[in-house]
């Protein structure tokens, strides 16, 4: 499980690095990623056991939920800077040869990224928020995991 959470954390940090960083002069309040969905909502979506959400030990801005024996769902919400756009993210992913696909009808712009190891990431821009939802759901094929991510992201967007 630690190895999985480490891999997810590395992927999220790489995704964040692909976006331009915000100016250090303004220190906006850090959004609470654990307030985006509830444990019960995740349990309903995945149809299995889910542990309570907790801040990630490597990045406290992320919220991790353990799914089943070895799965995980993580949310990371941050304020998008003026240069943070889906187009720039897609250009960076393309440059790094990382596969992605736009996800229509979710937030202002969304895209799926499949970083490997059975994980699916849904990256969503909504207003000034940028949310990354990464999921590894034991026994779920990629289309099912994507459907679960879409459902959870729609719930999360109602809480912005």
N, C-alpha and C. Protein backbone atom coordinates (compact mmCIF):
# COMPACT_ATOMS: atom_id res chain seq x y z
N UNK A 1 0.83 -1.20 0.00
CA UNK A 1 0.00 0.00 0.00
C UNK A 1 0.87 1.26 0.00
N UNK A 2 1.96 1.24 0.80
CA UNK A 2 2.83 2.42 0.83
C UNK A 2 3.42 2.70 -0.54
N UNK A 3 3.80 1.63 -1.25
CA UNK A 3 4.38 1.79 -2.58
C UNK A 3 3.36 2.42 -3.52
N UNK A 4 2.10 1.98 -3.45
CA UNK A 4 1.04 2.52 -4.29
C UNK A 4 0.83 4.00 -4.00
N UNK A 5 0.72 4.35 -2.73
CA UNK A 5 0.50 5.75 -2.37
C UNK A 5 1.70 6.59 -2.80
N UNK A 6 2.91 6.02 -2.70
CA UNK A 6 4.10 6.73 -3.15
C UNK A 6 4.02 6.98 -4.66
N UNK A 7 3.63 5.96 -5.44
CA UNK A 7 3.52 6.11 -6.89
C UNK A 7 2.47 7.16 -7.24
N UNK A 8 1.31 7.12 -6.56
CA UNK A 8 0.26 8.11 -6.80
C UNK A 8 0.78 9.51 -6.47
N UNK A 9 1.47 9.64 -5.35
CA UNK A 9 2.01 10.95 -4.95
C UNK A 9 2.98 11.48 -5.98
N UNK A 10 3.87 10.61 -6.48
CA UNK A 10 4.84 11.04 -7.49
C UNK A 10 4.10 11.49 -8.74
N UNK A 11 3.07 10.73 -9.17
CA UNK A 11 2.32 11.13 -10.36
C UNK A 11 1.67 12.49 -10.16
N UNK A 12 1.06 12.71 -9.00
CA UNK A 12 0.40 14.00 -8.76
C UNK A 12 1.41 15.14 -8.73
N UNK A 13 2.56 14.89 -8.17
CA UNK A 13 3.59 15.93 -8.15
C UNK A 13 4.08 16.25 -9.56
N UNK A 14 4.21 15.22 -10.41
CA UNK A 14 4.59 15.44 -11.81
C UNK A 14 3.52 16.23 -12.54
N UNK A 15 2.25 15.90 -12.28
CA UNK A 15 1.15 16.63 -12.92
C UNK A 15 1.18 18.10 -12.51
N UNK A 16 1.43 18.34 -11.24
CA UNK A 16 1.49 19.73 -10.77
C UNK A 16 2.68 20.46 -11.37
N UNK A 17 3.79 19.76 -11.54
CA UNK A 17 4.97 20.38 -12.11
C UNK A 17 4.76 20.77 -13.57
N UNK A 18 3.80 20.10 -14.22
CA UNK A 18 3.52 20.42 -15.63
C UNK A 18 2.82 21.76 -15.76
N UNK A 19 2.27 22.25 -14.69
CA UNK A 19 1.57 23.53 -14.71
C UNK A 19 2.46 24.64 -14.16
N UNK A 20 2.34 25.84 -14.69
CA UNK A 20 3.11 26.96 -14.14
C UNK A 20 2.72 27.19 -12.69
N UNK A 21 3.67 27.59 -11.88
CA UNK A 21 3.43 27.81 -10.46
C UNK A 21 2.86 29.20 -10.21
N UNK A 22 2.06 29.30 -9.14
CA UNK A 22 1.49 30.58 -8.75
C UNK A 22 2.57 31.48 -8.17
N UNK A 23 2.32 32.75 -8.24
CA UNK A 23 3.21 33.72 -7.64
C UNK A 23 3.28 33.49 -6.13
N UNK A 24 4.46 33.64 -5.55
CA UNK A 24 4.64 33.44 -4.12
C UNK A 24 4.20 34.66 -3.31
N UNK A 25 3.84 35.76 -3.97
CA UNK A 25 3.49 36.96 -3.24
C UNK A 25 2.13 36.84 -2.56
N UNK A 26 1.19 36.19 -3.19
CA UNK A 26 -0.13 36.02 -2.58
C UNK A 26 -0.22 34.62 -2.02
N UNK A 27 -0.68 34.50 -0.80
CA UNK A 27 -0.80 33.19 -0.16
C UNK A 27 -2.28 32.89 0.09
N UNK A 28 -2.97 32.38 -0.95
CA UNK A 28 -4.38 32.08 -0.75
C UNK A 28 -4.55 30.92 0.23
N UNK A 29 -5.73 30.88 0.85
CA UNK A 29 -6.03 29.81 1.79
C UNK A 29 -5.98 28.48 1.05
N UNK A 30 -5.32 27.50 1.66
CA UNK A 30 -5.19 26.18 1.05
C UNK A 30 -6.55 25.48 1.07
N UNK A 31 -7.05 25.05 -0.10
CA UNK A 31 -8.33 24.35 -0.14
C UNK A 31 -8.25 23.00 0.58
N UNK A 32 -9.35 22.57 1.16
CA UNK A 32 -9.42 21.30 1.89
C UNK A 32 -9.87 20.19 0.94
N UNK A 33 -8.93 19.38 0.51
CA UNK A 33 -9.23 18.30 -0.43
C UNK A 33 -10.12 17.22 0.20
N UNK A 34 -10.06 17.05 1.51
CA UNK A 34 -10.88 16.03 2.18
C UNK A 34 -12.35 16.45 2.30
N UNK A 35 -12.66 17.71 1.97
CA UNK A 35 -14.05 18.18 2.04
C UNK A 35 -14.78 18.02 0.71
N UNK A 36 -14.13 17.45 -0.30
CA UNK A 36 -14.74 17.36 -1.63
C UNK A 36 -15.76 16.24 -1.75
N UNK A 37 -15.50 15.10 -1.14
CA UNK A 37 -16.43 13.96 -1.15
C UNK A 37 -16.41 13.32 0.22
N UNK A 38 -17.42 12.50 0.48
CA UNK A 38 -17.46 11.78 1.75
C UNK A 38 -17.06 10.33 1.55
N UNK A 39 -16.69 9.70 2.63
CA UNK A 39 -16.37 8.27 2.59
C UNK A 39 -17.56 7.49 2.05
N UNK A 40 -18.77 7.83 2.50
CA UNK A 40 -19.98 7.13 2.04
C UNK A 40 -20.18 7.28 0.53
N UNK A 41 -19.89 8.45 -0.02
CA UNK A 41 -20.03 8.66 -1.47
C UNK A 41 -19.03 7.80 -2.24
N UNK A 42 -17.83 7.69 -1.73
CA UNK A 42 -16.83 6.84 -2.39
C UNK A 42 -17.25 5.38 -2.29
N UNK A 43 -17.69 4.95 -1.11
CA UNK A 43 -18.14 3.56 -0.93
C UNK A 43 -19.26 3.23 -1.90
N UNK A 44 -20.22 4.13 -2.04
CA UNK A 44 -21.33 3.91 -2.96
C UNK A 44 -20.82 3.80 -4.40
N UNK A 45 -19.89 4.65 -4.78
CA UNK A 45 -19.38 4.66 -6.15
C UNK A 45 -18.56 3.41 -6.48
N UNK A 46 -17.73 2.96 -5.53
CA UNK A 46 -16.87 1.81 -5.80
C UNK A 46 -17.53 0.48 -5.45
N UNK A 47 -18.57 0.53 -4.60
CA UNK A 47 -19.24 -0.71 -4.22
C UNK A 47 -18.41 -1.58 -3.31
N UNK A 48 -17.56 -0.99 -2.50
CA UNK A 48 -16.71 -1.77 -1.60
C UNK A 48 -16.32 -0.95 -0.39
N UNK A 49 -15.43 -1.52 0.41
CA UNK A 49 -15.02 -0.85 1.64
C UNK A 49 -14.03 0.26 1.35
N UNK A 50 -14.17 1.32 2.12
CA UNK A 50 -13.31 2.50 1.98
C UNK A 50 -12.97 3.00 3.37
N UNK A 51 -11.70 3.31 3.60
CA UNK A 51 -11.28 3.89 4.88
C UNK A 51 -11.53 5.39 4.86
N UNK A 52 -11.60 5.99 6.03
CA UNK A 52 -11.77 7.44 6.14
C UNK A 52 -10.66 8.16 5.38
N UNK A 53 -11.00 9.32 4.83
CA UNK A 53 -10.02 10.13 4.14
C UNK A 53 -9.06 10.76 5.13
N UNK A 54 -7.80 10.90 4.70
CA UNK A 54 -6.78 11.51 5.56
C UNK A 54 -5.79 12.25 4.68
N UNK A 55 -5.22 13.35 5.20
CA UNK A 55 -4.21 14.05 4.43
C UNK A 55 -3.04 13.12 4.12
N UNK A 56 -2.52 13.24 2.91
CA UNK A 56 -1.37 12.45 2.48
C UNK A 56 -0.16 12.85 3.31
N UNK A 57 0.65 11.86 3.69
CA UNK A 57 1.82 12.16 4.53
C UNK A 57 2.89 12.95 3.78
N UNK A 58 2.96 12.81 2.46
CA UNK A 58 3.97 13.53 1.68
C UNK A 58 3.50 14.88 1.17
N UNK A 59 2.17 15.06 1.06
CA UNK A 59 1.60 16.30 0.56
C UNK A 59 0.27 16.50 1.28
N UNK A 60 0.26 17.29 2.32
CA UNK A 60 -0.93 17.45 3.15
C UNK A 60 -2.09 18.11 2.41
N UNK A 61 -1.85 18.65 1.22
CA UNK A 61 -2.93 19.24 0.43
C UNK A 61 -3.75 18.15 -0.26
N UNK A 62 -3.22 16.93 -0.29
CA UNK A 62 -3.93 15.79 -0.90
C UNK A 62 -4.70 15.04 0.18
N UNK A 63 -5.81 14.41 -0.24
CA UNK A 63 -6.60 13.58 0.67
C UNK A 63 -6.65 12.17 0.09
N UNK A 64 -6.22 11.19 0.88
CA UNK A 64 -6.17 9.80 0.44
C UNK A 64 -7.25 8.97 1.13
N UNK A 65 -7.88 8.10 0.34
CA UNK A 65 -8.84 7.13 0.84
C UNK A 65 -8.34 5.75 0.43
N UNK A 66 -8.24 4.82 1.36
CA UNK A 66 -7.87 3.45 1.02
C UNK A 66 -9.13 2.72 0.57
N UNK A 67 -9.03 2.03 -0.57
CA UNK A 67 -10.16 1.31 -1.15
C UNK A 67 -9.84 -0.18 -1.11
N UNK A 68 -10.68 -0.96 -0.41
CA UNK A 68 -10.43 -2.39 -0.31
C UNK A 68 -9.11 -2.65 0.39
N UNK A 69 -8.45 -3.75 -0.02
CA UNK A 69 -7.19 -4.13 0.62
C UNK A 69 -5.99 -3.32 0.14
N UNK A 70 -5.99 -2.90 -1.12
CA UNK A 70 -4.80 -2.24 -1.63
C UNK A 70 -5.08 -1.09 -2.61
N UNK A 71 -6.33 -0.76 -2.83
CA UNK A 71 -6.66 0.33 -3.74
C UNK A 71 -6.59 1.68 -3.06
N UNK A 72 -6.73 2.72 -3.86
CA UNK A 72 -6.67 4.07 -3.31
C UNK A 72 -7.38 5.05 -4.23
N UNK A 73 -7.97 6.06 -3.60
CA UNK A 73 -8.51 7.21 -4.32
C UNK A 73 -7.94 8.43 -3.62
N UNK A 74 -7.40 9.34 -4.42
CA UNK A 74 -6.81 10.57 -3.87
C UNK A 74 -7.39 11.78 -4.58
N UNK A 75 -7.65 12.81 -3.79
CA UNK A 75 -8.08 14.10 -4.31
C UNK A 75 -7.03 15.13 -3.97
N UNK A 76 -6.77 16.01 -4.92
CA UNK A 76 -5.89 17.14 -4.67
C UNK A 76 -6.53 18.35 -5.32
N UNK A 77 -6.92 19.30 -4.50
CA UNK A 77 -7.52 20.54 -4.99
C UNK A 77 -6.58 21.69 -4.67
N UNK A 78 -6.38 22.53 -5.67
CA UNK A 78 -5.59 23.74 -5.44
C UNK A 78 -6.15 24.86 -6.29
N UNK A 79 -5.77 26.06 -5.96
CA UNK A 79 -6.16 27.22 -6.75
C UNK A 79 -5.33 27.24 -8.02
N UNK A 80 -5.99 27.39 -9.14
CA UNK A 80 -5.28 27.48 -10.42
C UNK A 80 -4.79 28.90 -10.59
N UNK A 81 -3.55 29.04 -11.02
CA UNK A 81 -3.00 30.35 -11.31
C UNK A 81 -3.48 30.83 -12.67
N UNK A 82 -3.20 32.07 -13.01
CA UNK A 82 -3.66 32.63 -14.29
C UNK A 82 -3.11 31.89 -15.51
N UNK A 83 -1.96 31.24 -15.36
CA UNK A 83 -1.38 30.51 -16.49
C UNK A 83 -1.71 29.02 -16.47
N UNK A 84 -2.47 28.56 -15.47
CA UNK A 84 -2.86 27.15 -15.38
C UNK A 84 -4.08 26.92 -16.27
N UNK A 85 -3.88 26.20 -17.36
CA UNK A 85 -4.99 25.90 -18.26
C UNK A 85 -4.92 24.45 -18.71
N UNK A 86 -6.06 23.93 -19.12
CA UNK A 86 -6.10 22.57 -19.65
C UNK A 86 -5.25 22.46 -20.90
N UNK A 87 -5.28 23.49 -21.75
CA UNK A 87 -4.47 23.45 -22.98
C UNK A 87 -2.98 23.33 -22.68
N UNK A 88 -2.50 24.10 -21.72
CA UNK A 88 -1.08 24.03 -21.37
C UNK A 88 -0.74 22.68 -20.76
N UNK A 89 -1.65 22.13 -19.94
CA UNK A 89 -1.40 20.83 -19.35
C UNK A 89 -1.34 19.75 -20.44
N UNK A 90 -2.28 19.81 -21.39
CA UNK A 90 -2.29 18.82 -22.46
C UNK A 90 -1.03 18.93 -23.32
N UNK A 91 -0.57 20.14 -23.57
CA UNK A 91 0.66 20.32 -24.35
C UNK A 91 1.85 19.70 -23.61
N UNK A 92 1.90 19.89 -22.31
CA UNK A 92 3.00 19.33 -21.52
C UNK A 92 2.92 17.80 -21.49
N UNK A 93 1.73 17.25 -21.31
CA UNK A 93 1.57 15.80 -21.32
C UNK A 93 1.97 15.22 -22.67
N UNK A 94 1.58 15.90 -23.75
CA UNK A 94 1.93 15.46 -25.10
C UNK A 94 3.46 15.47 -25.27
N UNK A 95 4.09 16.54 -24.78
CA UNK A 95 5.54 16.66 -24.88
C UNK A 95 6.24 15.52 -24.13
N UNK A 96 5.64 15.07 -23.03
CA UNK A 96 6.23 13.99 -22.23
C UNK A 96 5.75 12.60 -22.67
N UNK A 97 4.99 12.56 -23.77
CA UNK A 97 4.45 11.29 -24.30
C UNK A 97 3.58 10.55 -23.28
N UNK A 98 2.77 11.29 -22.55
CA UNK A 98 1.83 10.71 -21.60
C UNK A 98 0.45 10.77 -22.23
N UNK A 99 -0.20 9.61 -22.32
CA UNK A 99 -1.52 9.55 -22.96
C UNK A 99 -2.58 10.25 -22.11
N UNK A 100 -3.50 10.93 -22.80
CA UNK A 100 -4.61 11.60 -22.13
C UNK A 100 -5.79 11.66 -23.09
N UNK A 101 -6.98 11.93 -22.53
CA UNK A 101 -8.19 12.09 -23.34
C UNK A 101 -9.08 13.09 -22.64
N UNK A 102 -9.66 14.01 -23.42
CA UNK A 102 -10.58 14.97 -22.81
C UNK A 102 -11.81 14.27 -22.29
N UNK A 103 -12.34 14.77 -21.17
CA UNK A 103 -13.56 14.25 -20.56
C UNK A 103 -14.60 15.36 -20.66
N UNK A 104 -15.54 15.20 -21.52
CA UNK A 104 -16.54 16.25 -21.79
C UNK A 104 -17.59 16.32 -20.68
N UNK A 105 -18.07 17.53 -20.42
CA UNK A 105 -19.18 17.73 -19.50
C UNK A 105 -18.84 17.70 -18.02
N UNK A 106 -17.55 17.80 -17.69
CA UNK A 106 -17.14 17.79 -16.29
C UNK A 106 -16.37 19.08 -16.03
N UNK A 107 -16.90 19.93 -15.16
CA UNK A 107 -16.24 21.20 -14.87
C UNK A 107 -16.15 22.06 -16.12
N UNK A 108 -15.21 23.01 -16.10
CA UNK A 108 -14.97 23.85 -17.27
C UNK A 108 -14.22 23.07 -18.35
N UNK A 109 -13.22 22.31 -17.94
CA UNK A 109 -12.44 21.42 -18.82
C UNK A 109 -11.90 20.30 -17.96
N UNK A 110 -11.91 19.10 -18.51
CA UNK A 110 -11.37 17.94 -17.80
C UNK A 110 -10.65 17.03 -18.77
N UNK A 111 -9.70 16.27 -18.22
CA UNK A 111 -9.03 15.27 -19.03
C UNK A 111 -8.65 14.08 -18.17
N UNK A 112 -8.71 12.91 -18.79
CA UNK A 112 -8.26 11.69 -18.16
C UNK A 112 -6.81 11.45 -18.54
N UNK A 113 -6.04 10.99 -17.57
CA UNK A 113 -4.66 10.59 -17.79
C UNK A 113 -4.53 9.19 -17.19
N UNK A 114 -3.90 8.29 -17.93
CA UNK A 114 -3.67 6.93 -17.42
C UNK A 114 -2.18 6.76 -17.19
N UNK A 115 -1.73 6.98 -15.94
CA UNK A 115 -0.30 6.93 -15.66
C UNK A 115 0.29 5.52 -15.59
N UNK A 116 -0.54 4.49 -15.69
CA UNK A 116 -0.06 3.11 -15.61
C UNK A 116 -0.38 2.50 -14.26
N UNK A 117 0.07 1.27 -14.07
CA UNK A 117 -0.15 0.54 -12.83
C UNK A 117 -1.62 0.37 -12.51
N UNK A 118 -2.51 0.48 -13.52
CA UNK A 118 -3.95 0.35 -13.30
C UNK A 118 -4.62 1.61 -12.78
N UNK A 119 -3.87 2.71 -12.69
CA UNK A 119 -4.42 3.96 -12.17
C UNK A 119 -5.08 4.77 -13.27
N UNK A 120 -6.06 5.57 -12.86
CA UNK A 120 -6.72 6.53 -13.73
C UNK A 120 -6.72 7.86 -12.99
N UNK A 121 -6.42 8.93 -13.69
CA UNK A 121 -6.44 10.26 -13.11
C UNK A 121 -7.40 11.13 -13.90
N UNK A 122 -8.27 11.84 -13.19
CA UNK A 122 -9.18 12.80 -13.81
C UNK A 122 -8.78 14.18 -13.32
N UNK A 123 -8.34 15.01 -14.25
CA UNK A 123 -7.87 16.37 -13.95
C UNK A 123 -8.93 17.35 -14.41
N UNK A 124 -9.43 18.17 -13.48
CA UNK A 124 -10.56 19.05 -13.78
C UNK A 124 -10.25 20.49 -13.39
N UNK A 125 -10.58 21.40 -14.30
CA UNK A 125 -10.51 22.83 -14.05
C UNK A 125 -11.93 23.34 -13.90
N UNK A 126 -12.21 24.07 -12.83
CA UNK A 126 -13.53 24.65 -12.60
C UNK A 126 -13.32 26.00 -11.93
N UNK A 127 -13.66 27.06 -12.65
CA UNK A 127 -13.42 28.40 -12.10
C UNK A 127 -11.95 28.57 -11.79
N UNK A 128 -11.65 28.92 -10.55
CA UNK A 128 -10.25 29.08 -10.15
C UNK A 128 -9.68 27.83 -9.49
N UNK A 129 -10.43 26.74 -9.47
CA UNK A 129 -9.97 25.50 -8.86
C UNK A 129 -9.42 24.53 -9.90
N UNK A 130 -8.42 23.78 -9.48
CA UNK A 130 -7.85 22.70 -10.26
C UNK A 130 -7.86 21.48 -9.35
N UNK A 131 -8.54 20.42 -9.77
CA UNK A 131 -8.68 19.21 -8.94
C UNK A 131 -8.13 18.02 -9.71
N UNK A 132 -7.31 17.23 -9.02
CA UNK A 132 -6.82 15.97 -9.57
C UNK A 132 -7.39 14.85 -8.72
N UNK A 133 -8.11 13.95 -9.35
CA UNK A 133 -8.63 12.75 -8.69
C UNK A 133 -7.88 11.57 -9.31
N UNK A 134 -7.18 10.82 -8.48
CA UNK A 134 -6.45 9.64 -8.96
C UNK A 134 -7.04 8.42 -8.28
N UNK A 135 -7.31 7.37 -9.09
CA UNK A 135 -7.95 6.18 -8.54
C UNK A 135 -7.26 4.90 -9.01
N UNK A 136 -7.13 3.99 -8.07
CA UNK A 136 -6.74 2.62 -8.34
C UNK A 136 -7.75 1.77 -7.59
N UNK A 137 -8.62 1.12 -8.34
CA UNK A 137 -9.72 0.37 -7.73
C UNK A 137 -9.52 -1.11 -8.03
N UNK A 138 -9.25 -1.90 -7.00
CA UNK A 138 -8.99 -3.33 -7.21
C UNK A 138 -10.11 -4.01 -8.00
N UNK A 139 -9.73 -4.73 -9.05
CA UNK A 139 -10.68 -5.50 -9.84
C UNK A 139 -11.49 -4.71 -10.85
N UNK A 140 -11.31 -3.41 -10.91
CA UNK A 140 -12.10 -2.58 -11.84
C UNK A 140 -11.30 -2.34 -13.12
N UNK A 141 -11.95 -2.58 -14.25
CA UNK A 141 -11.33 -2.27 -15.54
C UNK A 141 -11.32 -0.75 -15.72
N UNK A 142 -10.48 -0.27 -16.65
CA UNK A 142 -10.34 1.17 -16.84
C UNK A 142 -11.65 1.89 -17.14
N UNK A 143 -12.54 1.37 -17.99
CA UNK A 143 -13.80 2.08 -18.23
C UNK A 143 -14.64 2.24 -16.96
N UNK A 144 -14.65 1.22 -16.11
CA UNK A 144 -15.41 1.33 -14.85
C UNK A 144 -14.75 2.35 -13.92
N UNK A 145 -13.43 2.32 -13.85
CA UNK A 145 -12.72 3.28 -13.00
C UNK A 145 -12.97 4.71 -13.48
N UNK A 146 -12.98 4.91 -14.80
CA UNK A 146 -13.26 6.25 -15.34
C UNK A 146 -14.68 6.69 -14.97
N UNK A 147 -15.65 5.79 -15.04
CA UNK A 147 -17.04 6.12 -14.68
C UNK A 147 -17.13 6.50 -13.20
N UNK A 148 -16.41 5.79 -12.36
CA UNK A 148 -16.38 6.10 -10.92
C UNK A 148 -15.75 7.47 -10.71
N UNK A 149 -14.66 7.75 -11.41
CA UNK A 149 -14.00 9.06 -11.29
C UNK A 149 -14.94 10.19 -11.72
N UNK A 150 -15.64 9.98 -12.83
CA UNK A 150 -16.59 11.00 -13.29
C UNK A 150 -17.66 11.28 -12.24
N UNK A 151 -18.22 10.22 -11.67
CA UNK A 151 -19.27 10.37 -10.65
C UNK A 151 -18.74 11.12 -9.42
N UNK A 152 -17.55 10.73 -8.96
CA UNK A 152 -16.99 11.39 -7.77
C UNK A 152 -16.60 12.83 -8.07
N UNK A 153 -16.07 13.11 -9.26
CA UNK A 153 -15.71 14.48 -9.60
C UNK A 153 -16.94 15.36 -9.66
N UNK A 154 -18.03 14.86 -10.23
CA UNK A 154 -19.27 15.65 -10.27
C UNK A 154 -19.73 15.99 -8.86
N UNK A 155 -19.63 15.03 -7.93
CA UNK A 155 -19.98 15.31 -6.51
C UNK A 155 -19.05 16.39 -5.94
N UNK A 156 -17.75 16.24 -6.20
CA UNK A 156 -16.78 17.19 -5.67
C UNK A 156 -17.03 18.61 -6.18
N UNK A 157 -17.39 18.72 -7.44
CA UNK A 157 -17.61 20.05 -8.02
C UNK A 157 -18.79 20.78 -7.39
N UNK A 158 -19.74 20.04 -6.82
CA UNK A 158 -20.86 20.70 -6.14
C UNK A 158 -20.44 21.36 -4.84
N UNK A 159 -19.24 21.06 -4.36
CA UNK A 159 -18.77 21.57 -3.08
C UNK A 159 -17.73 22.67 -3.22
N UNK A 160 -17.53 23.16 -4.42
CA UNK A 160 -16.56 24.25 -4.60
C UNK A 160 -17.17 25.57 -4.19
